[in-house]
Amino acid sequence: MKKEYAQHEMDYIKIYQDKGYTSNFHFKNNKLINSETKNGYFPQDILIVAEHRYEGMSDPSDMSILFIIETSKGEKGTFLMAYGPNASLEISEFFNKIPKMNVSDEENINLNDSLP
């Protein structure tokens, strides 16, 4: 059964932070950078363990996707990306280069019945 725990990106970020996904990442020079450790990652270094897509309540063209990420160095966190008309082509291309075998929904809180 599919569960809906949150309606806004920040609700999901808080839930995943409580599960240990506390790192924040940003994109710079064709790498995903951990904002705290400054470690940089290429697409092959990234595991996406869940993702959530959103449309803006007041503006449906305001779309975003929240990636729940684990890295090759064991860092766990989130990355929020615009998609649709407001998307960055450079960031979109980076995420499209993540190997398909590195993408799963194993940590998706909406699909995991063992969570409260």
PDB file of N, CA and C in Angstrom:
ATOM      1  N   MET A   1       0.837  -1.177   0.000  1.00  0.00           N
ATOM      2  CA  MET A   1       0.000   0.000   0.000  1.00  0.00           C
ATOM      3  C   MET A   1       0.884   1.242   0.000  1.00  0.00           C
ATOM      4  N   LYS A   2       0.529   2.193  -0.826  1.00  0.00           N
ATOM      5  CA  LYS A   2       1.288   3.437  -0.893  1.00  0.00           C
ATOM      6  C   LYS A   2       0.830   4.381   0.208  1.00  0.00           C
ATOM      7  N   LYS A   3       1.791   4.918   0.951  1.00  0.00           N
ATOM      8  CA  LYS A   3       1.499   5.867   2.018  1.00  0.00           C
ATOM      9  C   LYS A   3       1.936   7.257   1.574  1.00  0.00           C
ATOM     10  N   GLU A   4       1.245   8.264   2.039  1.00  0.00           N
ATOM     11  CA  GLU A   4       1.631   9.649   1.773  1.00  0.00           C
ATOM     12  C   GLU A   4       1.929  10.313   3.101  1.00  0.00           C
ATOM     13  N   TYR A   5       3.206  10.533   3.405  1.00  0.00           N
ATOM     14  CA  TYR A   5       3.611  11.090   4.681  1.00  0.00           C
ATOM     15  C   TYR A   5       3.707  12.603   4.675  1.00  0.00           C
ATOM     16  N   ALA A   6       3.899  13.209   3.531  1.00  0.00           N
ATOM     17  CA  ALA A   6       4.152  14.643   3.517  1.00  0.00           C
ATOM     18  C   ALA A   6       3.656  15.230   2.205  1.00  0.00           C
ATOM     19  N   GLN A   7       3.334  16.493   2.248  1.00  0.00           N
ATOM     20  CA  GLN A   7       2.847  17.175   1.058  1.00  0.00           C
ATOM     21  C   GLN A   7       3.841  18.182   0.513  1.00  0.00           C
ATOM     22  N   HIS A   8       4.858  18.511   1.248  1.00  0.00           N
ATOM     23  CA  HIS A   8       5.807  19.538   0.862  1.00  0.00           C
ATOM     24  C   HIS A   8       7.223  18.979   0.962  1.00  0.00           C
ATOM     25  N   GLU A   9       8.120  19.497   0.141  1.00  0.00           N
ATOM     26  CA  GLU A   9       9.502  19.007   0.136  1.00  0.00           C
ATOM     27  C   GLU A   9      10.134  19.050   1.519  1.00  0.00           C
ATOM     28  N   MET A  10       9.909  20.134   2.250  1.00  0.00           N
ATOM     29  CA  MET A  10      10.534  20.285   3.565  1.00  0.00           C
ATOM     30  C   MET A  10      10.034  19.229   4.549  1.00  0.00           C
ATOM     31  N   ASP A  11       8.773  18.787   4.391  1.00  0.00           N
ATOM     32  CA  ASP A  11       8.257  17.713   5.241  1.00  0.00           C
ATOM     33  C   ASP A  11       9.059  16.434   5.019  1.00  0.00           C
ATOM     34  N   TYR A  12       9.301  16.107   3.765  1.00  0.00           N
ATOM     35  CA  TYR A  12      10.074  14.910   3.440  1.00  0.00           C
ATOM     36  C   TYR A  12      11.528  15.046   3.882  1.00  0.00           C
ATOM     37  N   ILE A  13      12.112  16.203   3.666  1.00  0.00           N
ATOM     38  CA  ILE A  13      13.511  16.404   4.076  1.00  0.00           C
ATOM     39  C   ILE A  13      13.642  16.143   5.574  1.00  0.00           C
ATOM     40  N   LYS A  14      12.721  16.646   6.370  1.00  0.00           N
ATOM     41  CA  LYS A  14      12.758  16.430   7.819  1.00  0.00           C
ATOM     42  C   LYS A  14      12.652  14.940   8.155  1.00  0.00           C
ATOM     43  N   ILE A  15      11.748  14.235   7.513  1.00  0.00           N
ATOM     44  CA  ILE A  15      11.584  12.801   7.766  1.00  0.00           C
ATOM     45  C   ILE A  15      12.869  12.049   7.433  1.00  0.00           C
ATOM     46  N   TYR A  16      13.459  12.358   6.277  1.00  0.00           N
ATOM     47  CA  TYR A  16      14.696  11.669   5.888  1.00  0.00           C
ATOM     48  C   TYR A  16      15.873  12.075   6.779  1.00  0.00           C
ATOM     49  N   GLN A  17      15.906  13.313   7.232  1.00  0.00           N
ATOM     50  CA  GLN A  17      16.960  13.709   8.180  1.00  0.00           C
ATOM     51  C   GLN A  17      16.862  12.877   9.450  1.00  0.00           C
ATOM     52  N   ASP A  18      15.647  12.636   9.911  1.00  0.00           N
ATOM     53  CA  ASP A  18      15.441  11.807  11.102  1.00  0.00           C
ATOM     54  C   ASP A  18      15.905  10.364  10.866  1.00  0.00           C
ATOM     55  N   LYS A  19      15.958   9.938   9.608  1.00  0.00           N
ATOM     56  CA  LYS A  19      16.427   8.592   9.257  1.00  0.00           C
ATOM     57  C   LYS A  19      17.932   8.569   8.968  1.00  0.00           C
ATOM     58  N   GLY A  20      18.603   9.704   9.152  1.00  0.00           N
ATOM     59  CA  GLY A  20      20.054   9.736   8.982  1.00  0.00           C
ATOM     60  C   GLY A  20      20.546  10.366   7.691  1.00  0.00           C
ATOM     61  N   TYR A  21      19.649  10.868   6.853  1.00  0.00           N
ATOM     62  CA  TYR A  21      20.037  11.521   5.595  1.00  0.00           C
ATOM     63  C   TYR A  21      20.213  13.022   5.870  1.00  0.00           C
ATOM     64  N   THR A  22      21.308  13.353   6.539  1.00  0.00           N
ATOM     65  CA  THR A  22      21.494  14.703   7.061  1.00  0.00           C
ATOM     66  C   THR A  22      22.376  15.601   6.207  1.00  0.00           C
ATOM     67  N   SER A  23      23.098  15.038   5.262  1.00  0.00           N
ATOM     68  CA  SER A  23      23.970  15.870   4.421  1.00  0.00           C
ATOM     69  C   SER A  23      23.147  16.638   3.400  1.00  0.00           C
ATOM     70  N   ASN A  24      23.587  17.855   3.124  1.00  0.00           N
ATOM     71  CA  ASN A  24      23.002  18.655   2.055  1.00  0.00           C
ATOM     72  C   ASN A  24      24.020  18.723   0.929  1.00  0.00           C
ATOM     73  N   PHE A  25      23.541  18.625  -0.290  1.00  0.00           N
ATOM     74  CA  PHE A  25      24.409  18.645  -1.451  1.00  0.00           C
ATOM     75  C   PHE A  25      24.040  19.812  -2.356  1.00  0.00           C
ATOM     76  N   HIS A  26      25.036  20.341  -3.059  1.00  0.00           N
ATOM     77  CA  HIS A  26      24.798  21.342  -4.091  1.00  0.00           C
ATOM     78  C   HIS A  26      25.616  20.944  -5.323  1.00  0.00           C
ATOM     79  N   PHE A  27      25.296  21.542  -6.445  1.00  0.00           N
ATOM     80  CA  PHE A  27      25.925  21.199  -7.717  1.00  0.00           C
ATOM     81  C   PHE A  27      26.883  22.305  -8.120  1.00  0.00           C
ATOM     82  N   LYS A  28      28.126  21.907  -8.439  1.00  0.00           N
ATOM     83  CA  LYS A  28      29.127  22.884  -8.866  1.00  0.00           C
ATOM     84  C   LYS A  28      30.184  22.173  -9.703  1.00  0.00           C
ATOM     85  N   ASN A  29      30.562  22.784 -10.814  1.00  0.00           N
ATOM     86  CA  ASN A  29      31.617  22.261 -11.684  1.00  0.00           C
ATOM     87  C   ASN A  29      31.394  20.800 -12.057  1.00  0.00           C
ATOM     88  N   ASN A  30      30.168  20.473 -12.441  1.00  0.00           N
ATOM     89  CA  ASN A  30      29.794  19.127 -12.882  1.00  0.00           C
ATOM     90  C   ASN A  30      29.972  18.056 -11.809  1.00  0.00           C
ATOM     91  N   LYS A  31      29.872  18.460 -10.535  1.00  0.00           N
ATOM     92  CA  LYS A  31      29.941  17.507  -9.427  1.00  0.00           C
ATOM     93  C   LYS A  31      28.871  17.853  -8.399  1.00  0.00           C
ATOM     94  N   LEU A  32      28.444  16.834  -7.682  1.00  0.00           N
ATOM     95  CA  LEU A  32      27.583  17.044  -6.531  1.00  0.00           C
ATOM     96  C   LEU A  32      28.500  17.181  -5.322  1.00  0.00           C
ATOM     97  N   ILE A  33      28.374  18.280  -4.598  1.00  0.00           N
ATOM     98  CA  ILE A  33      29.278  18.613  -3.494  1.00  0.00           C
ATOM     99  C   ILE A  33      28.525  18.541  -2.176  1.00  0.00           C
ATOM    100  N   ASN A  34      29.114  17.839  -1.201  1.00  0.00           N
ATOM    101  CA  ASN A  34      28.565  17.848   0.151  1.00  0.00           C
ATOM    102  C   ASN A  34      28.879  19.217   0.748  1.00  0.00           C
ATOM    103  N   SER A  35      27.857  19.936   1.157  1.00  0.00           N
ATOM    104  CA  SER A  35      28.037  21.308   1.636  1.00  0.00           C
ATOM    105  C   SER A  35      28.910  21.394   2.885  1.00  0.00           C
ATOM    106  N   GLU A  36      28.941  20.351   3.699  1.00  0.00           N
ATOM    107  CA  GLU A  36      29.728  20.379   4.926  1.00  0.00           C
ATOM    108  C   GLU A  36      31.145  19.840   4.713  1.00  0.00           C
ATOM    109  N   THR A  37      31.265  18.638   4.147  1.00  0.00           N
ATOM    110  CA  THR A  37      32.593  18.009   4.017  1.00  0.00           C
ATOM    111  C   THR A  37      33.354  18.495   2.790  1.00  0.00           C
ATOM    112  N   LYS A  38      32.641  19.095   1.848  1.00  0.00           N
ATOM    113  CA  LYS A  38      33.194  19.576   0.575  1.00  0.00           C
ATOM    114  C   LYS A  38      33.638  18.436  -0.341  1.00  0.00           C
ATOM    115  N   ASN A  39      33.281  17.169  -0.012  1.00  0.00           N
ATOM    116  CA  ASN A  39      33.578  16.051  -0.900  1.00  0.00           C
ATOM    117  C   ASN A  39      32.759  16.211  -2.170  1.00  0.00           C
ATOM    118  N   GLY A  40      33.387  15.967  -3.320  1.00  0.00           N
ATOM    119  CA  GLY A  40      32.724  16.070  -4.608  1.00  0.00           C
ATOM    120  C   GLY A  40      32.476  14.699  -5.200  1.00  0.00           C
ATOM    121  N   TYR A  41      31.354  14.557  -5.910  1.00  0.00           N
ATOM    122  CA  TYR A  41      30.962  13.267  -6.455  1.00  0.00           C
ATOM    123  C   TYR A  41      30.549  13.381  -7.913  1.00  0.00           C
ATOM    124  N   PHE A  42      30.960  12.396  -8.693  1.00  0.00           N
ATOM    125  CA  PHE A  42      30.538  12.244 -10.078  1.00  0.00           C
ATOM    126  C   PHE A  42      29.322  11.323 -10.108  1.00  0.00           C
ATOM    127  N   PRO A  43      28.608  11.252 -11.231  1.00  0.00           N
ATOM    128  CA  PRO A  43      27.391  10.428 -11.282  1.00  0.00           C
ATOM    129  C   PRO A  43      27.600   8.980 -10.816  1.00  0.00           C
ATOM    130  N   GLN A  44      28.701   8.372 -11.176  1.00  0.00           N
ATOM    131  CA  GLN A  44      28.921   6.971 -10.793  1.00  0.00           C
ATOM    132  C   GLN A  44      29.146   6.791  -9.287  1.00  0.00           C
ATOM    133  N   ASP A  45      29.369   7.888  -8.560  1.00  0.00           N
ATOM    134  CA  ASP A  45      29.603   7.843  -7.109  1.00  0.00           C
ATOM    135  C   ASP A  45      28.317   8.016  -6.301  1.00  0.00           C
ATOM    136  N   ILE A  46      27.196   8.197  -6.984  1.00  0.00           N
ATOM    137  CA  ILE A  46      25.923   8.526  -6.342  1.00  0.00           C
ATOM    138  C   ILE A  46      24.974   7.337  -6.407  1.00  0.00           C
ATOM    139  N   LEU A  47      24.333   7.053  -5.275  1.00  0.00           N
ATOM    140  CA  LEU A  47      23.223   6.099  -5.224  1.00  0.00           C
ATOM    141  C   LEU A  47      21.973   6.896  -4.875  1.00  0.00           C
ATOM    142  N   ILE A  48      20.950   6.768  -5.678  1.00  0.00           N
ATOM    143  CA  ILE A  48      19.663   7.382  -5.369  1.00  0.00           C
ATOM    144  C   ILE A  48      18.803   6.287  -4.756  1.00  0.00           C
ATOM    145  N   VAL A  49      18.420   6.457  -3.484  1.00  0.00           N
ATOM    146  CA  VAL A  49      17.666   5.417  -2.791  1.00  0.00           C
ATOM    147  C   VAL A  49      16.178   5.756  -2.663  1.00  0.00           C
ATOM    148  N   ALA A  50      15.788   6.950  -3.066  1.00  0.00           N
ATOM    149  CA  ALA A  50      14.382   7.350  -3.129  1.00  0.00           C
ATOM    150  C   ALA A  50      14.307   8.692  -3.848  1.00  0.00           C
ATOM    151  N   GLU A  51      13.142   8.964  -4.388  1.00  0.00           N
ATOM    152  CA  GLU A  51      12.901  10.277  -4.986  1.00  0.00           C
ATOM    153  C   GLU A  51      11.427  10.609  -4.856  1.00  0.00           C
ATOM    154  N   HIS A  52      11.156  11.908  -4.766  1.00  0.00           N
ATOM    155  CA  HIS A  52       9.787  12.403  -4.628  1.00  0.00           C
ATOM    156  C   HIS A  52       9.636  13.606  -5.544  1.00  0.00           C
ATOM    157  N   ARG A  53       8.555  13.611  -6.327  1.00  0.00           N
ATOM    158  CA  ARG A  53       8.286  14.708  -7.258  1.00  0.00           C
ATOM    159  C   ARG A  53       7.131  15.554  -6.737  1.00  0.00           C
ATOM    160  N   TYR A  54       7.225  16.849  -7.015  1.00  0.00           N
ATOM    161  CA  TYR A  54       6.232  17.804  -6.517  1.00  0.00           C
ATOM    162  C   TYR A  54       5.816  18.768  -7.616  1.00  0.00           C
ATOM    163  N   GLU A  55       4.556  19.202  -7.533  1.00  0.00           N
ATOM    164  CA  GLU A  55       4.060  20.323  -8.328  1.00  0.00           C
ATOM    165  C   GLU A  55       3.662  21.401  -7.344  1.00  0.00           C
ATOM    166  N   GLY A  56       3.915  22.651  -7.710  1.00  0.00           N
ATOM    167  CA  GLY A  56       3.548  23.758  -6.830  1.00  0.00           C
ATOM    168  C   GLY A  56       2.046  23.837  -6.643  1.00  0.00           C
ATOM    169  N   MET A  57       1.617  24.137  -5.428  1.00  0.00           N
ATOM    170  CA  MET A  57       0.187  24.244  -5.129  1.00  0.00           C
ATOM    171  C   MET A  57      -0.459  25.388  -5.895  1.00  0.00           C
ATOM    172  N   SER A  58       0.208  26.544  -5.923  1.00  0.00           N
ATOM    173  CA  SER A  58      -0.383  27.705  -6.586  1.00  0.00           C
ATOM    174  C   SER A  58       0.020  27.798  -8.051  1.00  0.00           C
ATOM    175  N   ASP A  59       1.112  27.112  -8.426  1.00  0.00           N
ATOM    176  CA  ASP A  59       1.591  27.159  -9.801  1.00  0.00           C
ATOM    177  C   ASP A  59       2.078  25.769 -10.202  1.00  0.00           C
ATOM    178  N   PRO A  60       1.258  25.003 -10.932  1.00  0.00           N
ATOM    179  CA  PRO A  60       1.634  23.645 -11.307  1.00  0.00           C
ATOM    180  C   PRO A  60       2.921  23.549 -12.131  1.00  0.00           C
ATOM    181  N   SER A  61       3.355  24.655 -12.749  1.00  0.00           N
ATOM    182  CA  SER A  61       4.609  24.604 -13.507  1.00  0.00           C
ATOM    183  C   SER A  61       5.824  24.729 -12.588  1.00  0.00           C
ATOM    184  N   ASP A  62       5.593  25.015 -11.304  1.00  0.00           N
ATOM    185  CA  ASP A  62       6.662  25.072 -10.308  1.00  0.00           C
ATOM    186  C   ASP A  62       6.888  23.643  -9.813  1.00  0.00           C
ATOM    187  N   MET A  63       7.769  22.903 -10.503  1.00  0.00           N
ATOM    188  CA  MET A  63       7.968  21.490 -10.209  1.00  0.00           C
ATOM    189  C   MET A  63       9.361  21.246  -9.656  1.00  0.00           C
ATOM    190  N   SER A  64       9.450  20.274  -8.754  1.00  0.00           N
ATOM    191  CA  SER A  64      10.747  19.915  -8.188  1.00  0.00           C
ATOM    192  C   SER A  64      10.796  18.421  -7.923  1.00  0.00           C
ATOM    193  N   ILE A  65      12.012  17.933  -7.730  1.00  0.00           N
ATOM    194  CA  ILE A  65      12.219  16.545  -7.369  1.00  0.00           C
ATOM    195  C   ILE A  65      13.231  16.501  -6.236  1.00  0.00           C
ATOM    196  N   LEU A  66      12.910  15.735  -5.217  1.00  0.00           N
ATOM    197  CA  LEU A  66      13.791  15.555  -4.079  1.00  0.00           C
ATOM    198  C   LEU A  66      14.464  14.197  -4.211  1.00  0.00           C
ATOM    199  N   PHE A  67      15.786  14.211  -4.310  1.00  0.00           N
ATOM    200  CA  PHE A  67      16.557  12.973  -4.374  1.00  0.00           C
ATOM    201  C   PHE A  67      17.092  12.651  -2.988  1.00  0.00           C
ATOM    202  N   ILE A  68      16.936  11.397  -2.574  1.00  0.00           N
ATOM    203  CA  ILE A  68      17.519  10.890  -1.343  1.00  0.00           C
ATOM    204  C   ILE A  68      18.750  10.104  -1.774  1.00  0.00           C
ATOM    205  N   ILE A  69      19.917  10.519  -1.265  1.00  0.00           N
ATOM    206  CA  ILE A  69      21.201  10.112  -1.836  1.00  0.00           C
ATOM    207  C   ILE A  69      22.093   9.438  -0.810  1.00  0.00           C
ATOM    208  N   GLU A  70      22.815   8.418  -1.273  1.00  0.00           N
ATOM    209  CA  GLU A  70      23.953   7.861  -0.555  1.00  0.00           C
ATOM    210  C   GLU A  70      25.135   7.954  -1.511  1.00  0.00           C
ATOM    211  N   THR A  71      26.322   8.213  -0.965  1.00  0.00           N
ATOM    212  CA  THR A  71      27.498   8.381  -1.821  1.00  0.00           C
ATOM    213  C   THR A  71      28.460   7.213  -1.642  1.00  0.00           C
ATOM    214  N   SER A  72      29.437   7.153  -2.520  1.00  0.00           N
ATOM    215  CA  SER A  72      30.450   6.102  -2.460  1.00  0.00           C
ATOM    216  C   SER A  72      31.301   6.209  -1.190  1.00  0.00           C
ATOM    217  N   LYS A  73      31.273   7.355  -0.514  1.00  0.00           N
ATOM    218  CA  LYS A  73      32.012   7.537   0.741  1.00  0.00           C
ATOM    219  C   LYS A  73      31.108   7.378   1.960  1.00  0.00           C
ATOM    220  N   GLY A  74      29.876   6.931   1.743  1.00  0.00           N
ATOM    221  CA  GLY A  74      28.965   6.671   2.844  1.00  0.00           C
ATOM    222  C   GLY A  74      28.193   7.873   3.349  1.00  0.00           C
ATOM    223  N   GLU A  75      28.300   9.006   2.676  1.00  0.00           N
ATOM    224  CA  GLU A  75      27.536  10.184   3.082  1.00  0.00           C
ATOM    225  C   GLU A  75      26.089  10.017   2.610  1.00  0.00           C
ATOM    226  N   LYS A  76      25.158  10.403   3.473  1.00  0.00           N
ATOM    227  CA  LYS A  76      23.735  10.256   3.175  1.00  0.00           C
ATOM    228  C   LYS A  76      23.056  11.611   3.314  1.00  0.00           C
ATOM    229  N   GLY A  77      22.268  11.976   2.314  1.00  0.00           N
ATOM    230  CA  GLY A  77      21.599  13.260   2.387  1.00  0.00           C
ATOM    231  C   GLY A  77      20.581  13.452   1.285  1.00  0.00           C
ATOM    232  N   THR A  78      20.272  14.718   1.018  1.00  0.00           N
ATOM    233  CA  THR A  78      19.230  15.072   0.060  1.00  0.00           C
ATOM    234  C   THR A  78      19.724  16.118  -0.935  1.00  0.00           C
ATOM    235  N   PHE A  79      19.063  16.132  -2.082  1.00  0.00           N
ATOM    236  CA  PHE A  79      19.308  17.166  -3.092  1.00  0.00           C
ATOM    237  C   PHE A  79      17.965  17.512  -3.715  1.00  0.00           C
ATOM    238  N   LEU A  80      17.602  18.775  -3.676  1.00  0.00           N
ATOM    239  CA  LEU A  80      16.347  19.246  -4.242  1.00  0.00           C
ATOM    240  C   LEU A  80      16.632  19.941  -5.566  1.00  0.00           C
ATOM    241  N   MET A  81      15.964  19.476  -6.615  1.00  0.00           N
ATOM    242  CA  MET A  81      16.219  19.978  -7.969  1.00  0.00           C
ATOM    243  C   MET A  81      14.914  20.409  -8.630  1.00  0.00           C
ATOM    244  N   ALA A  82      14.943  21.542  -9.291  1.00  0.00           N
ATOM    245  CA  ALA A  82      13.803  21.954 -10.112  1.00  0.00           C
ATOM    246  C   ALA A  82      13.769  21.079 -11.356  1.00  0.00           C
ATOM    247  N   TYR A  83      12.578  20.788 -11.852  1.00  0.00           N
ATOM    248  CA  TYR A  83      12.470  20.118 -13.143  1.00  0.00           C
ATOM    249  C   TYR A  83      11.319  20.727 -13.911  1.00  0.00           C
ATOM    250  N   GLY A  84      11.206  20.346 -15.151  1.00  0.00           N
ATOM    251  CA  GLY A  84      10.209  20.975 -16.000  1.00  0.00           C
ATOM    252  C   GLY A  84      10.771  22.273 -16.561  1.00  0.00           C
ATOM    253  N   PRO A  85       9.934  23.294 -16.731  1.00  0.00           N
ATOM    254  CA  PRO A  85      10.373  24.540 -17.364  1.00  0.00           C
ATOM    255  C   PRO A  85      11.477  25.273 -16.602  1.00  0.00           C
ATOM    256  N   ASN A  86      11.574  25.045 -15.297  1.00  0.00           N
ATOM    257  CA  ASN A  86      12.565  25.756 -14.486  1.00  0.00           C
ATOM    258  C   ASN A  86      13.838  24.957 -14.248  1.00  0.00           C
ATOM    259  N   ALA A  87      13.966  23.821 -14.886  1.00  0.00           N
ATOM    260  CA  ALA A  87      15.100  22.925 -14.627  1.00  0.00           C
ATOM    261  C   ALA A  87      16.408  23.462 -15.192  1.00  0.00           C
ATOM    262  N   SER A  88      17.480  23.144 -14.497  1.00  0.00           N
ATOM    263  CA  SER A  88      18.824  23.420 -14.996  1.00  0.00           C
ATOM    264  C   SER A  88      19.232  22.249 -15.882  1.00  0.00           C
ATOM    265  N   LEU A  89      19.550  22.528 -17.124  1.00  0.00           N
ATOM    266  CA  LEU A  89      19.947  21.473 -18.049  1.00  0.00           C
ATOM    267  C   LEU A  89      21.198  20.760 -17.554  1.00  0.00           C
ATOM    268  N   GLU A  90      22.129  21.499 -17.016  1.00  0.00           N
ATOM    269  CA  GLU A  90      23.386  20.924 -16.524  1.00  0.00           C
ATOM    270  C   GLU A  90      23.142  19.930 -15.376  1.00  0.00           C
ATOM    271  N   ILE A  91      22.288  20.299 -14.428  1.00  0.00           N
ATOM    272  CA  ILE A  91      21.982  19.409 -13.308  1.00  0.00           C
ATOM    273  C   ILE A  91      21.180  18.208 -13.792  1.00  0.00           C
ATOM    274  N   SER A  92      20.232  18.434 -14.684  1.00  0.00           N
ATOM    275  CA  SER A  92      19.441  17.329 -15.233  1.00  0.00           C
ATOM    276  C   SER A  92      20.329  16.315 -15.936  1.00  0.00           C
ATOM    277  N   GLU A  93      21.279  16.792 -16.715  1.00  0.00           N
ATOM    278  CA  GLU A  93      22.195  15.895 -17.407  1.00  0.00           C
ATOM    279  C   GLU A  93      23.039  15.099 -16.419  1.00  0.00           C
ATOM    280  N   PHE A  94      23.483  15.740 -15.339  1.00  0.00           N
ATOM    281  CA  PHE A  94      24.250  15.042 -14.310  1.00  0.00           C
ATOM    282  C   PHE A  94      23.431  13.869 -13.757  1.00  0.00           C
ATOM    283  N   PHE A  95      22.191  14.126 -13.361  1.00  0.00           N
ATOM    284  CA  PHE A  95      21.364  13.065 -12.774  1.00  0.00           C
ATOM    285  C   PHE A  95      21.006  11.996 -13.799  1.00  0.00           C
ATOM    286  N   ASN A  96      20.877  12.352 -15.063  1.00  0.00           N
ATOM    287  CA  ASN A  96      20.623  11.351 -16.102  1.00  0.00           C
ATOM    288  C   ASN A  96      21.824  10.441 -16.326  1.00  0.00           C
ATOM    289  N   LYS A  97      23.013  10.876 -15.932  1.00  0.00           N
ATOM    290  CA  LYS A  97      24.223  10.066 -16.094  1.00  0.00           C
ATOM    291  C   LYS A  97      24.454   9.094 -14.928  1.00  0.00           C
ATOM    292  N   ILE A  98      23.662   9.201 -13.879  1.00  0.00           N
ATOM    293  CA  ILE A  98      23.798   8.238 -12.776  1.00  0.00           C
ATOM    294  C   ILE A  98      23.396   6.872 -13.313  1.00  0.00           C
ATOM    295  N   PRO A  99      24.262   5.873 -13.149  1.00  0.00           N
ATOM    296  CA  PRO A  99      23.945   4.545 -13.695  1.00  0.00           C
ATOM    297  C   PRO A  99      22.615   4.008 -13.163  1.00  0.00           C
ATOM    298  N   LYS A 100      21.834   3.406 -14.039  1.00  0.00           N
ATOM    299  CA  LYS A 100      20.512   2.877 -13.657  1.00  0.00           C
ATOM    300  C   LYS A 100      20.613   1.895 -12.495  1.00  0.00           C
ATOM    301  N   MET A 101      21.728   1.145 -12.423  1.00  0.00           N
ATOM    302  CA  MET A 101      21.884   0.194 -11.316  1.00  0.00           C
ATOM    303  C   MET A 101      22.100   0.911  -9.978  1.00  0.00           C
ATOM    304  N   ASN A 102      22.330   2.220 -10.003  1.00  0.00           N
ATOM    305  CA  ASN A 102      22.523   3.019  -8.784  1.00  0.00           C
ATOM    306  C   ASN A 102      21.238   3.732  -8.357  1.00  0.00           C
ATOM    307  N   VAL A 103      20.121   3.365  -8.955  1.00  0.00           N
ATOM    308  CA  VAL A 103      18.850   4.016  -8.655  1.00  0.00           C
ATOM    309  C   VAL A 103      17.860   2.967  -8.149  1.00  0.00           C
ATOM    310  N   SER A 104      17.291   3.230  -6.961  1.00  0.00           N
ATOM    311  CA  SER A 104      16.287   2.325  -6.411  1.00  0.00           C
ATOM    312  C   SER A 104      15.287   3.140  -5.598  1.00  0.00           C
ATOM    313  N   ASP A 105      14.312   2.465  -5.059  1.00  0.00           N
ATOM    314  CA  ASP A 105      13.335   3.081  -4.168  1.00  0.00           C
ATOM    315  C   ASP A 105      13.394   2.420  -2.796  1.00  0.00           C
ATOM    316  N   GLU A 106      14.543   1.813  -2.461  1.00  0.00           N
ATOM    317  CA  GLU A 106      14.635   1.010  -1.232  1.00  0.00           C
ATOM    318  C   GLU A 106      14.383   1.794   0.047  1.00  0.00           C
ATOM    319  N   GLU A 107      14.598   3.092   0.048  1.00  0.00           N
ATOM    320  CA  GLU A 107      14.370   3.910   1.247  1.00  0.00           C
ATOM    321  C   GLU A 107      13.137   4.800   1.133  1.00  0.00           C
ATOM    322  N   ASN A 108      12.322   4.602   0.092  1.00  0.00           N
ATOM    323  CA  ASN A 108      11.155   5.452  -0.117  1.00  0.00           C
ATOM    324  C   ASN A 108      10.156   5.252   1.014  1.00  0.00           C
ATOM    325  N   ILE A 109       9.923   6.294   1.800  1.00  0.00           N
ATOM    326  CA  ILE A 109       9.042   6.183   2.960  1.00  0.00           C
ATOM    327  C   ILE A 109       7.587   5.935   2.580  1.00  0.00           C
ATOM    328  N   ASN A 110       7.206   6.257   1.353  1.00  0.00           N
ATOM    329  CA  ASN A 110       5.831   6.007   0.917  1.00  0.00           C
ATOM    330  C   ASN A 110       5.606   4.554   0.532  1.00  0.00           C
ATOM    331  N   LEU A 111       6.668   3.815   0.316  1.00  0.00           N
ATOM    332  CA  LEU A 111       6.550   2.421  -0.113  1.00  0.00           C
ATOM    333  C   LEU A 111       6.935   1.439   0.979  1.00  0.00           C
ATOM    334  N   ASN A 112       7.486   1.920   2.079  1.00  0.00           N
ATOM    335  CA  ASN A 112       7.972   1.063   3.151  1.00  0.00           C
ATOM    336  C   ASN A 112       6.913   0.940   4.227  1.00  0.00           C
ATOM    337  N   ASP A 113       6.233  -0.228   4.282  1.00  0.00           N
ATOM    338  CA  ASP A 113       5.146  -0.441   5.245  1.00  0.00           C
ATOM    339  C   ASP A 113       5.626  -0.608   6.685  1.00  0.00           C
ATOM    340  N   SER A 114       6.936  -0.754   6.898  1.00  0.00           N
ATOM    341  CA  SER A 114       7.413  -0.960   8.255  1.00  0.00           C
ATOM    342  C   SER A 114       7.558   0.344   9.029  1.00  0.00           C
ATOM    343  N   LEU A 115       7.390   1.469   8.359  1.00  0.00           N
ATOM    344  CA  LEU A 115       7.473   2.762   9.040  1.00  0.00           C
ATOM    345  C   LEU A 115       6.136   3.103   9.678  1.00  0.00           C
ATOM    346  N   PRO A 116       6.159   3.927  10.715  1.00  0.00           N
ATOM    347  CA  PRO A 116       4.887   4.299  11.397  1.00  0.00           C
ATOM    348  C   PRO A 116       3.940   5.033  10.484  1.00  0.00           C
TER     349      PRO A 116
END
